[in-house]
Each structure stands twice: as C-alpha cells, then as structure tokens.
Amino acid sequence: MSFYSAGVEYGIHCLLFLVDERGASRDSSVRDLAELQGVPQEYLAKVFTKLARAGLVTATEGVRGGFRLARSAQQITVLDIVNAIDGPKKLFDCREIRERCTLFEGSPPGWATEGTCAIHAVMLGAQKRMEEALAQQTIIDLAQRFGRKAPAAFGEQVDEWLSERRDGKIPAAQV
C-alpha cells in the first residue's frame, strides 16, 4: 500500500504538463489533462480543486478555460503538491508501547518513558528527511529531468495537442 494517494501522482504529472522544460507556462482543462494521460476526469477534477485551494494552480477564464500554474514552476515543490492533495501526513504514529511492558506491572518507571521514544525519534527523523527531499524538488526540476529524457519533438507535440484541443480542432473523447 502506498503512503501517498494516486491523486498525488496524478497531480504531479498534470502540473508537469502545465509547464515546459524551460519553465514556460501552459494552460489546460482538467478534461484535456485527464484524456492526455488516461486518468479518470472526475477524480482529477477533485485533485485540481485541492491544488487551486492551495494556491498552486489558478483557473483560466473563457469558454475553453482550464488551469495554469499560479506561481512559477521554480516556486512549486513536490512537498507543496503532496500537502495540497493528501494533506500533511505522519509517517509513524507512536503508540507508546514502551509503557506497556508486563514487567512494569502497570507502573512504568520514569527511565522507561522519559523523553521521546527512541523508535518514534527515528521515525520523526525519517519523516523530516523525506519532507526535506520533497521540498528540494520543484516542478521545473522534474520538467527538466523529463525534458532530458523525452525526444525534443515531444514538448512541441504536447503544445500542439493542447492548443488544438483548446481551439476545438480535436474533439474531446469520452473519458
């Protein structure tokens, strides 16, 4: 079972399609992003509601409105997206088992419960490092990594496809 929801993955992928590897912004509807990636439109709409509420995307106006990044791709971290979609999550929930040792006969001594549980401390450290790693990666970092992997023409194909969809030249499929 994953720690983060599928919505986090969908959201990150969508935000990557709202920017090119140079950081230039694109805009798109949720419907088009869902079709482009083969993901459920209804679920993606809920993800975009959360992203908008967090100030990561903003609605574009007009008949063919959609969304675009609300800030530059350099300012949106993976942790921002994770927290917007799934909310802050604790990696570990300490149940203070150290107090329950049968040898304590219901009265744990101070030495056993003093300070933070050692196991909890390890888990807190792991969560801190994971969140720091997610906070260090931005949308532009991911877009550039993707751009180095994809053929040069792919970005142009995405721009063209989104533009044609916006202009009504490519009919929307039933997603």
N, C-alpha and C. Protein backbone atom coordinates (compact mmCIF):
# COMPACT_ATOMS: atom_id res chain seq x y z
N MET A 1 0.84 -1.18 0.00
CA MET A 1 0.00 0.00 0.00
C MET A 1 0.89 1.24 0.00
N SER A 2 0.55 2.20 -0.84
CA SER A 2 1.38 3.40 -0.91
C SER A 2 1.07 4.36 0.22
N PHE A 3 2.06 5.15 0.52
CA PHE A 3 1.93 6.17 1.55
C PHE A 3 1.10 7.34 1.02
N TYR A 4 1.35 7.72 -0.23
CA TYR A 4 0.61 8.83 -0.84
C TYR A 4 -0.42 8.27 -1.83
N SER A 5 -1.49 9.04 -2.00
CA SER A 5 -2.59 8.60 -2.87
C SER A 5 -2.21 8.70 -4.35
N ALA A 6 -3.03 8.07 -5.17
CA ALA A 6 -2.87 8.18 -6.62
C ALA A 6 -3.05 9.63 -7.05
N GLY A 7 -3.84 10.40 -6.29
CA GLY A 7 -4.05 11.80 -6.60
C GLY A 7 -2.77 12.60 -6.62
N VAL A 8 -1.83 12.24 -5.75
CA VAL A 8 -0.53 12.93 -5.72
C VAL A 8 0.20 12.67 -7.04
N GLU A 9 0.22 11.44 -7.47
CA GLU A 9 0.87 11.12 -8.74
C GLU A 9 0.18 11.83 -9.90
N TYR A 10 -1.15 11.78 -9.93
CA TYR A 10 -1.89 12.45 -10.99
C TYR A 10 -1.60 13.94 -10.98
N GLY A 11 -1.62 14.54 -9.80
CA GLY A 11 -1.39 15.97 -9.67
C GLY A 11 -0.02 16.39 -10.16
N ILE A 12 0.99 15.65 -9.77
CA ILE A 12 2.36 15.98 -10.20
C ILE A 12 2.48 15.86 -11.71
N HIS A 13 1.97 14.78 -12.26
CA HIS A 13 2.02 14.61 -13.72
C HIS A 13 1.30 15.75 -14.44
N CYS A 14 0.14 16.13 -13.92
CA CYS A 14 -0.61 17.22 -14.56
C CYS A 14 0.15 18.53 -14.50
N LEU A 15 0.74 18.83 -13.37
CA LEU A 15 1.48 20.08 -13.27
C LEU A 15 2.68 20.08 -14.21
N LEU A 16 3.25 18.91 -14.46
CA LEU A 16 4.34 18.83 -15.44
C LEU A 16 3.86 19.19 -16.84
N PHE A 17 2.60 18.86 -17.15
CA PHE A 17 2.06 19.22 -18.47
C PHE A 17 1.67 20.69 -18.55
N LEU A 18 1.64 21.38 -17.41
CA LEU A 18 1.32 22.81 -17.42
C LEU A 18 2.56 23.69 -17.54
N VAL A 19 3.70 23.06 -17.76
CA VAL A 19 4.95 23.81 -17.92
C VAL A 19 5.86 23.02 -18.86
N ASP A 20 6.68 23.73 -19.62
CA ASP A 20 7.66 23.02 -20.43
C ASP A 20 9.00 23.02 -19.70
N GLU A 21 9.99 22.37 -20.28
CA GLU A 21 11.27 22.21 -19.58
C GLU A 21 12.02 23.52 -19.38
N ARG A 22 11.63 24.57 -20.08
CA ARG A 22 12.25 25.89 -19.89
C ARG A 22 11.50 26.70 -18.84
N GLY A 23 10.37 26.19 -18.38
CA GLY A 23 9.58 26.88 -17.37
C GLY A 23 8.44 27.69 -17.95
N ALA A 24 8.27 27.66 -19.27
CA ALA A 24 7.16 28.39 -19.90
C ALA A 24 5.84 27.73 -19.50
N SER A 25 4.89 28.54 -19.17
CA SER A 25 3.60 28.06 -18.69
C SER A 25 2.69 27.63 -19.84
N ARG A 26 1.90 26.62 -19.57
CA ARG A 26 0.85 26.17 -20.46
C ARG A 26 -0.44 26.19 -19.65
N ASP A 27 -1.57 26.21 -20.32
CA ASP A 27 -2.81 26.03 -19.59
C ASP A 27 -3.61 24.93 -20.27
N SER A 28 -4.46 24.31 -19.47
CA SER A 28 -5.24 23.19 -20.00
C SER A 28 -6.44 22.96 -19.10
N SER A 29 -7.44 22.34 -19.66
CA SER A 29 -8.60 21.94 -18.87
C SER A 29 -8.31 20.61 -18.18
N VAL A 30 -9.04 20.35 -17.13
CA VAL A 30 -8.93 19.07 -16.44
C VAL A 30 -9.32 17.95 -17.39
N ARG A 31 -10.33 18.18 -18.18
CA ARG A 31 -10.79 17.16 -19.13
C ARG A 31 -9.66 16.78 -20.10
N ASP A 32 -8.98 17.79 -20.63
CA ASP A 32 -7.90 17.51 -21.57
C ASP A 32 -6.72 16.81 -20.89
N LEU A 33 -6.39 17.26 -19.68
CA LEU A 33 -5.29 16.61 -18.96
C LEU A 33 -5.63 15.16 -18.63
N ALA A 34 -6.88 14.91 -18.29
CA ALA A 34 -7.31 13.53 -18.00
C ALA A 34 -7.18 12.67 -19.25
N GLU A 35 -7.64 13.20 -20.38
CA GLU A 35 -7.56 12.43 -21.62
C GLU A 35 -6.11 12.23 -22.06
N LEU A 36 -5.33 13.28 -21.96
CA LEU A 36 -3.92 13.21 -22.37
C LEU A 36 -3.18 12.10 -21.63
N GLN A 37 -3.54 11.91 -20.38
CA GLN A 37 -2.81 10.95 -19.54
C GLN A 37 -3.56 9.65 -19.27
N GLY A 38 -4.80 9.57 -19.71
CA GLY A 38 -5.56 8.35 -19.48
C GLY A 38 -5.92 8.13 -18.02
N VAL A 39 -6.31 9.20 -17.33
CA VAL A 39 -6.70 9.09 -15.92
C VAL A 39 -8.16 9.56 -15.77
N PRO A 40 -8.83 9.15 -14.71
CA PRO A 40 -10.25 9.49 -14.53
C PRO A 40 -10.47 10.99 -14.35
N GLN A 41 -11.32 11.56 -15.18
CA GLN A 41 -11.58 13.00 -15.16
C GLN A 41 -12.22 13.45 -13.84
N GLU A 42 -13.16 12.68 -13.33
CA GLU A 42 -13.86 13.07 -12.10
C GLU A 42 -12.87 13.15 -10.93
N TYR A 43 -12.00 12.18 -10.85
CA TYR A 43 -11.00 12.16 -9.77
C TYR A 43 -10.03 13.32 -9.94
N LEU A 44 -9.61 13.56 -11.16
CA LEU A 44 -8.67 14.64 -11.44
C LEU A 44 -9.29 16.00 -11.12
N ALA A 45 -10.57 16.16 -11.34
CA ALA A 45 -11.25 17.41 -11.00
C ALA A 45 -11.15 17.67 -9.50
N LYS A 46 -11.28 16.64 -8.69
CA LYS A 46 -11.15 16.78 -7.23
C LYS A 46 -9.72 17.16 -6.86
N VAL A 47 -8.76 16.58 -7.55
CA VAL A 47 -7.35 16.91 -7.31
C VAL A 47 -7.11 18.38 -7.62
N PHE A 48 -7.65 18.86 -8.74
CA PHE A 48 -7.44 20.26 -9.12
C PHE A 48 -8.14 21.23 -8.16
N THR A 49 -9.24 20.81 -7.58
CA THR A 49 -9.89 21.64 -6.56
C THR A 49 -8.93 21.84 -5.38
N LYS A 50 -8.26 20.78 -4.98
CA LYS A 50 -7.30 20.87 -3.87
C LYS A 50 -6.08 21.71 -4.26
N LEU A 51 -5.60 21.52 -5.48
CA LEU A 51 -4.44 22.30 -5.94
C LEU A 51 -4.78 23.79 -6.01
N ALA A 52 -5.99 24.11 -6.46
CA ALA A 52 -6.41 25.51 -6.53
C ALA A 52 -6.57 26.10 -5.13
N ARG A 53 -7.17 25.34 -4.22
CA ARG A 53 -7.34 25.80 -2.85
C ARG A 53 -5.99 26.10 -2.20
N ALA A 54 -4.97 25.35 -2.57
CA ALA A 54 -3.63 25.53 -2.00
C ALA A 54 -2.86 26.65 -2.72
N GLY A 55 -3.44 27.22 -3.75
CA GLY A 55 -2.77 28.30 -4.47
C GLY A 55 -1.67 27.84 -5.41
N LEU A 56 -1.74 26.59 -5.85
CA LEU A 56 -0.73 26.07 -6.77
C LEU A 56 -1.14 26.22 -8.23
N VAL A 57 -2.45 26.20 -8.48
CA VAL A 57 -2.97 26.45 -9.83
C VAL A 57 -4.06 27.51 -9.73
N THR A 58 -4.32 28.13 -10.84
CA THR A 58 -5.39 29.13 -10.91
C THR A 58 -6.21 28.86 -12.15
N ALA A 59 -7.49 29.16 -12.06
CA ALA A 59 -8.39 28.93 -13.19
C ALA A 59 -8.16 29.98 -14.27
N THR A 60 -8.25 29.53 -15.52
CA THR A 60 -8.18 30.46 -16.65
C THR A 60 -9.61 30.70 -17.11
N GLU A 61 -9.87 31.88 -17.58
CA GLU A 61 -11.23 32.26 -17.94
C GLU A 61 -11.54 31.93 -19.38
N GLY A 62 -12.80 32.00 -19.70
CA GLY A 62 -13.24 31.80 -21.07
C GLY A 62 -13.99 30.51 -21.26
N VAL A 63 -14.56 30.36 -22.43
CA VAL A 63 -15.33 29.18 -22.78
C VAL A 63 -14.47 27.93 -22.67
N ARG A 64 -13.26 28.04 -23.08
CA ARG A 64 -12.35 26.90 -23.04
C ARG A 64 -11.36 27.04 -21.89
N GLY A 65 -11.82 27.60 -20.79
CA GLY A 65 -10.97 27.82 -19.62
C GLY A 65 -10.46 26.51 -19.04
N GLY A 66 -9.52 26.64 -18.19
CA GLY A 66 -8.92 25.48 -17.54
C GLY A 66 -8.09 25.95 -16.37
N PHE A 67 -6.87 25.47 -16.32
CA PHE A 67 -5.97 25.83 -15.23
C PHE A 67 -4.57 26.12 -15.77
N ARG A 68 -3.83 26.89 -14.98
CA ARG A 68 -2.41 27.13 -15.22
C ARG A 68 -1.76 27.23 -13.85
N LEU A 69 -0.44 27.17 -13.82
CA LEU A 69 0.26 27.31 -12.55
C LEU A 69 0.00 28.70 -11.98
N ALA A 70 -0.20 28.76 -10.67
CA ALA A 70 -0.45 30.04 -10.00
C ALA A 70 0.86 30.74 -9.65
N ARG A 71 1.93 29.97 -9.59
CA ARG A 71 3.27 30.51 -9.30
C ARG A 71 4.22 29.91 -10.33
N SER A 72 5.43 30.40 -10.35
CA SER A 72 6.40 29.85 -11.29
C SER A 72 6.72 28.40 -10.90
N ALA A 73 7.14 27.66 -11.89
CA ALA A 73 7.48 26.25 -11.67
C ALA A 73 8.66 26.09 -10.71
N GLN A 74 9.47 27.13 -10.58
CA GLN A 74 10.59 27.10 -9.64
C GLN A 74 10.13 27.25 -8.20
N GLN A 75 8.93 27.73 -8.01
CA GLN A 75 8.42 28.00 -6.66
C GLN A 75 7.47 26.94 -6.14
N ILE A 76 7.14 25.96 -6.95
CA ILE A 76 6.22 24.90 -6.52
C ILE A 76 7.01 23.63 -6.29
N THR A 77 7.04 23.19 -5.04
CA THR A 77 7.80 21.98 -4.71
C THR A 77 6.88 20.75 -4.72
N VAL A 78 7.51 19.61 -4.79
CA VAL A 78 6.76 18.36 -4.72
C VAL A 78 6.05 18.27 -3.37
N LEU A 79 6.69 18.75 -2.31
CA LEU A 79 6.05 18.74 -0.99
C LEU A 79 4.81 19.63 -0.98
N ASP A 80 4.85 20.76 -1.67
CA ASP A 80 3.66 21.61 -1.78
C ASP A 80 2.50 20.83 -2.38
N ILE A 81 2.79 20.07 -3.42
CA ILE A 81 1.74 19.30 -4.12
C ILE A 81 1.22 18.19 -3.23
N VAL A 82 2.13 17.46 -2.59
CA VAL A 82 1.75 16.37 -1.69
C VAL A 82 0.83 16.90 -0.59
N ASN A 83 1.23 17.99 0.04
CA ASN A 83 0.43 18.54 1.13
C ASN A 83 -0.90 19.08 0.64
N ALA A 84 -0.93 19.64 -0.56
CA ALA A 84 -2.18 20.16 -1.10
C ALA A 84 -3.18 19.03 -1.36
N ILE A 85 -2.70 17.92 -1.86
CA ILE A 85 -3.60 16.83 -2.26
C ILE A 85 -3.91 15.87 -1.11
N ASP A 86 -2.90 15.42 -0.41
CA ASP A 86 -3.12 14.45 0.67
C ASP A 86 -3.11 15.07 2.06
N GLY A 87 -2.67 16.32 2.16
CA GLY A 87 -2.54 16.95 3.47
C GLY A 87 -1.28 16.44 4.15
N PRO A 88 -0.87 17.12 5.20
CA PRO A 88 0.31 16.65 5.94
C PRO A 88 0.03 15.26 6.51
N LYS A 89 0.97 14.38 6.35
CA LYS A 89 0.81 13.01 6.85
C LYS A 89 1.95 12.67 7.80
N LYS A 90 1.59 11.96 8.84
CA LYS A 90 2.62 11.45 9.73
C LYS A 90 3.05 10.08 9.21
N LEU A 91 4.34 9.90 9.14
CA LEU A 91 4.90 8.63 8.68
C LEU A 91 4.65 7.53 9.71
N PHE A 92 4.58 7.93 10.98
CA PHE A 92 4.52 6.96 12.07
C PHE A 92 3.67 7.54 13.19
N ASP A 93 2.87 6.70 13.80
CA ASP A 93 2.06 7.11 14.93
C ASP A 93 2.50 6.29 16.13
N CYS A 94 3.28 6.90 17.02
CA CYS A 94 3.81 6.19 18.19
C CYS A 94 2.67 5.88 19.17
N ARG A 95 2.57 4.65 19.55
CA ARG A 95 1.52 4.20 20.47
C ARG A 95 2.04 4.01 21.89
N GLU A 96 3.25 4.49 22.14
CA GLU A 96 3.86 4.43 23.48
C GLU A 96 3.82 3.02 24.07
N ILE A 97 4.17 2.06 23.27
CA ILE A 97 4.21 0.67 23.71
C ILE A 97 5.21 0.49 24.86
N ARG A 98 6.20 1.35 24.89
CA ARG A 98 7.23 1.24 25.93
C ARG A 98 6.63 1.31 27.33
N GLU A 99 5.45 1.85 27.49
CA GLU A 99 4.79 1.94 28.80
C GLU A 99 4.12 0.63 29.20
N ARG A 100 3.94 -0.29 28.24
CA ARG A 100 3.10 -1.47 28.48
C ARG A 100 3.86 -2.74 28.87
N CYS A 101 5.12 -2.65 29.03
CA CYS A 101 5.90 -3.85 29.36
C CYS A 101 5.32 -4.53 30.60
N THR A 102 5.05 -5.79 30.48
CA THR A 102 4.44 -6.54 31.59
C THR A 102 5.30 -6.51 32.85
N LEU A 103 6.60 -6.39 32.69
CA LEU A 103 7.48 -6.36 33.86
C LEU A 103 7.27 -5.11 34.72
N PHE A 104 6.64 -4.08 34.15
CA PHE A 104 6.38 -2.85 34.91
C PHE A 104 5.11 -2.97 35.77
N GLU A 105 4.38 -4.04 35.59
CA GLU A 105 3.16 -4.32 36.35
C GLU A 105 2.24 -3.10 36.44
N GLY A 106 2.04 -2.41 35.30
CA GLY A 106 1.12 -1.29 35.24
C GLY A 106 1.69 0.04 35.67
N SER A 107 2.91 0.08 36.19
CA SER A 107 3.52 1.33 36.62
C SER A 107 4.91 1.46 36.01
N PRO A 108 4.99 1.97 34.77
CA PRO A 108 6.31 2.08 34.14
C PRO A 108 7.20 3.08 34.89
N PRO A 109 8.46 2.71 35.06
CA PRO A 109 9.39 3.63 35.73
C PRO A 109 9.73 4.82 34.82
N GLY A 110 10.15 5.89 35.44
CA GLY A 110 10.48 7.10 34.70
C GLY A 110 11.51 6.88 33.62
N TRP A 111 12.53 6.06 33.88
CA TRP A 111 13.58 5.85 32.89
C TRP A 111 13.02 5.25 31.59
N ALA A 112 11.93 4.47 31.71
CA ALA A 112 11.37 3.79 30.54
C ALA A 112 10.55 4.74 29.65
N THR A 113 10.01 5.79 30.25
CA THR A 113 9.12 6.67 29.49
C THR A 113 9.66 8.09 29.34
N GLU A 114 10.81 8.33 29.89
CA GLU A 114 11.39 9.67 29.84
C GLU A 114 11.79 10.06 28.42
N GLY A 115 11.46 11.28 28.03
CA GLY A 115 11.84 11.78 26.71
C GLY A 115 11.06 11.12 25.59
N THR A 116 11.47 11.43 24.40
CA THR A 116 10.82 10.87 23.21
C THR A 116 11.22 9.41 23.06
N CYS A 117 10.26 8.58 22.72
CA CYS A 117 10.52 7.17 22.44
C CYS A 117 11.61 7.08 21.36
N ALA A 118 12.57 6.23 21.54
CA ALA A 118 13.69 6.11 20.60
C ALA A 118 13.21 5.71 19.21
N ILE A 119 12.22 4.84 19.15
CA ILE A 119 11.69 4.41 17.86
C ILE A 119 10.98 5.58 17.20
N HIS A 120 10.19 6.31 17.98
CA HIS A 120 9.49 7.48 17.45
C HIS A 120 10.49 8.52 16.95
N ALA A 121 11.58 8.71 17.66
CA ALA A 121 12.61 9.67 17.24
C ALA A 121 13.20 9.30 15.88
N VAL A 122 13.45 8.00 15.68
CA VAL A 122 13.97 7.54 14.39
C VAL A 122 12.97 7.84 13.28
N MET A 123 11.70 7.56 13.54
CA MET A 123 10.65 7.78 12.54
C MET A 123 10.45 9.28 12.27
N LEU A 124 10.54 10.12 13.30
CA LEU A 124 10.44 11.56 13.10
C LEU A 124 11.59 12.06 12.22
N GLY A 125 12.79 11.53 12.47
CA GLY A 125 13.95 11.90 11.64
C GLY A 125 13.77 11.48 10.20
N ALA A 126 13.22 10.28 10.00
CA ALA A 126 12.98 9.80 8.63
C ALA A 126 11.95 10.67 7.92
N GLN A 127 10.90 11.04 8.63
CA GLN A 127 9.87 11.89 8.02
C GLN A 127 10.47 13.25 7.67
N LYS A 128 11.27 13.79 8.56
CA LYS A 128 11.88 15.10 8.30
C LYS A 128 12.76 15.04 7.05
N ARG A 129 13.56 13.99 6.91
CA ARG A 129 14.43 13.86 5.74
C ARG A 129 13.62 13.66 4.45
N MET A 130 12.54 12.88 4.55
CA MET A 130 11.70 12.68 3.38
C MET A 130 11.06 14.00 2.95
N GLU A 131 10.53 14.76 3.90
CA GLU A 131 9.90 16.04 3.56
C GLU A 131 10.93 17.03 3.04
N GLU A 132 12.13 17.02 3.58
CA GLU A 132 13.19 17.89 3.06
C GLU A 132 13.51 17.53 1.61
N ALA A 133 13.57 16.25 1.31
CA ALA A 133 13.87 15.81 -0.05
C ALA A 133 12.76 16.24 -1.00
N LEU A 134 11.51 16.12 -0.59
CA LEU A 134 10.38 16.53 -1.44
C LEU A 134 10.34 18.05 -1.61
N ALA A 135 10.76 18.76 -0.57
CA ALA A 135 10.78 20.24 -0.63
C ALA A 135 11.91 20.75 -1.52
N GLN A 136 12.92 19.95 -1.75
CA GLN A 136 14.05 20.37 -2.59
C GLN A 136 13.77 20.20 -4.08
N GLN A 137 12.77 19.42 -4.43
CA GLN A 137 12.44 19.17 -5.83
C GLN A 137 11.27 20.04 -6.25
N THR A 138 11.46 20.80 -7.31
CA THR A 138 10.39 21.66 -7.81
C THR A 138 9.83 21.11 -9.12
N ILE A 139 8.74 21.71 -9.55
CA ILE A 139 8.13 21.32 -10.82
C ILE A 139 9.13 21.52 -11.97
N ILE A 140 9.88 22.62 -11.94
CA ILE A 140 10.85 22.84 -13.03
C ILE A 140 11.94 21.78 -13.00
N ASP A 141 12.36 21.34 -11.81
CA ASP A 141 13.36 20.26 -11.73
C ASP A 141 12.85 19.01 -12.43
N LEU A 142 11.61 18.65 -12.14
CA LEU A 142 11.02 17.46 -12.75
C LEU A 142 10.83 17.65 -14.25
N ALA A 143 10.36 18.84 -14.64
CA ALA A 143 10.16 19.11 -16.07
C ALA A 143 11.47 19.03 -16.84
N GLN A 144 12.53 19.54 -16.26
CA GLN A 144 13.84 19.46 -16.93
C GLN A 144 14.34 18.03 -17.00
N ARG A 145 14.13 17.26 -15.95
CA ARG A 145 14.54 15.85 -15.96
C ARG A 145 13.75 15.10 -17.04
N PHE A 146 12.45 15.37 -17.10
CA PHE A 146 11.62 14.74 -18.12
C PHE A 146 12.05 15.20 -19.51
N GLY A 147 12.36 16.48 -19.65
CA GLY A 147 12.78 17.03 -20.93
C GLY A 147 14.06 16.43 -21.46
N ARG A 148 14.96 16.07 -20.55
CA ARG A 148 16.22 15.42 -20.98
C ARG A 148 15.96 14.00 -21.48
N LYS A 149 14.90 13.39 -20.99
CA LYS A 149 14.59 12.01 -21.35
C LYS A 149 13.76 11.92 -22.64
N ALA A 150 12.81 12.85 -22.78
CA ALA A 150 11.88 12.79 -23.91
C ALA A 150 12.54 13.31 -25.18
N PRO A 151 12.10 12.83 -26.33
CA PRO A 151 12.60 13.40 -27.59
C PRO A 151 12.24 14.88 -27.66
N ALA A 152 13.06 15.66 -28.33
CA ALA A 152 12.87 17.11 -28.41
C ALA A 152 11.49 17.46 -28.96
N ALA A 153 10.98 16.68 -29.87
CA ALA A 153 9.69 16.98 -30.50
C ALA A 153 8.50 16.75 -29.57
N PHE A 154 8.69 16.02 -28.47
CA PHE A 154 7.56 15.69 -27.62
C PHE A 154 6.91 16.93 -27.02
N GLY A 155 7.71 17.87 -26.52
CA GLY A 155 7.16 19.10 -25.96
C GLY A 155 6.34 19.87 -26.98
N GLU A 156 6.82 19.88 -28.21
CA GLU A 156 6.08 20.55 -29.28
C GLU A 156 4.77 19.82 -29.55
N GLN A 157 4.80 18.49 -29.49
CA GLN A 157 3.57 17.72 -29.70
C GLN A 157 2.55 18.02 -28.60
N VAL A 158 3.02 18.13 -27.38
CA VAL A 158 2.11 18.44 -26.27
C VAL A 158 1.50 19.82 -26.48
N ASP A 159 2.35 20.81 -26.80
CA ASP A 159 1.85 22.17 -27.06
C ASP A 159 0.79 22.17 -28.16
N GLU A 160 1.09 21.47 -29.24
CA GLU A 160 0.18 21.42 -30.38
C GLU A 160 -1.13 20.73 -30.01
N TRP A 161 -1.05 19.61 -29.31
CA TRP A 161 -2.25 18.86 -28.93
C TRP A 161 -3.14 19.72 -28.02
N LEU A 162 -2.53 20.34 -26.99
CA LEU A 162 -3.31 21.18 -26.08
C LEU A 162 -3.92 22.37 -26.82
N SER A 163 -3.16 22.97 -27.73
CA SER A 163 -3.65 24.11 -28.50
C SER A 163 -4.82 23.69 -29.39
N GLU A 164 -4.70 22.57 -30.06
CA GLU A 164 -5.77 22.09 -30.93
C GLU A 164 -7.02 21.75 -30.13
N ARG A 165 -6.82 21.18 -28.93
CA ARG A 165 -7.97 20.88 -28.06
C ARG A 165 -8.66 22.17 -27.64
N ARG A 166 -7.85 23.17 -27.27
CA ARG A 166 -8.39 24.46 -26.82
C ARG A 166 -9.16 25.14 -27.95
N ASP A 167 -8.66 24.99 -29.19
CA ASP A 167 -9.29 25.62 -30.35
C ASP A 167 -10.42 24.76 -30.93
N GLY A 168 -10.68 23.59 -30.33
CA GLY A 168 -11.77 22.74 -30.80
C GLY A 168 -11.46 21.93 -32.04
N LYS A 169 -10.19 21.87 -32.43
CA LYS A 169 -9.81 21.13 -33.64
C LYS A 169 -9.77 19.63 -33.39
N ILE A 170 -9.52 19.22 -32.15
CA ILE A 170 -9.53 17.80 -31.79
C ILE A 170 -10.70 17.61 -30.84
N PRO A 171 -11.69 16.81 -31.23
CA PRO A 171 -12.85 16.62 -30.35
C PRO A 171 -12.45 15.87 -29.08
N ALA A 172 -13.13 16.20 -27.99
CA ALA A 172 -12.88 15.54 -26.72
C ALA A 172 -13.40 14.11 -26.78
N ALA A 173 -12.60 13.19 -26.29
CA ALA A 173 -13.03 11.79 -26.20
C ALA A 173 -13.84 11.63 -24.93
N GLN A 174 -14.57 10.57 -24.87
CA GLN A 174 -15.32 10.27 -23.64
C GLN A 174 -14.37 9.60 -22.67
N VAL A 175 -14.02 10.33 -21.63
CA VAL A 175 -13.07 9.82 -20.62
C VAL A 175 -13.85 9.20 -19.50
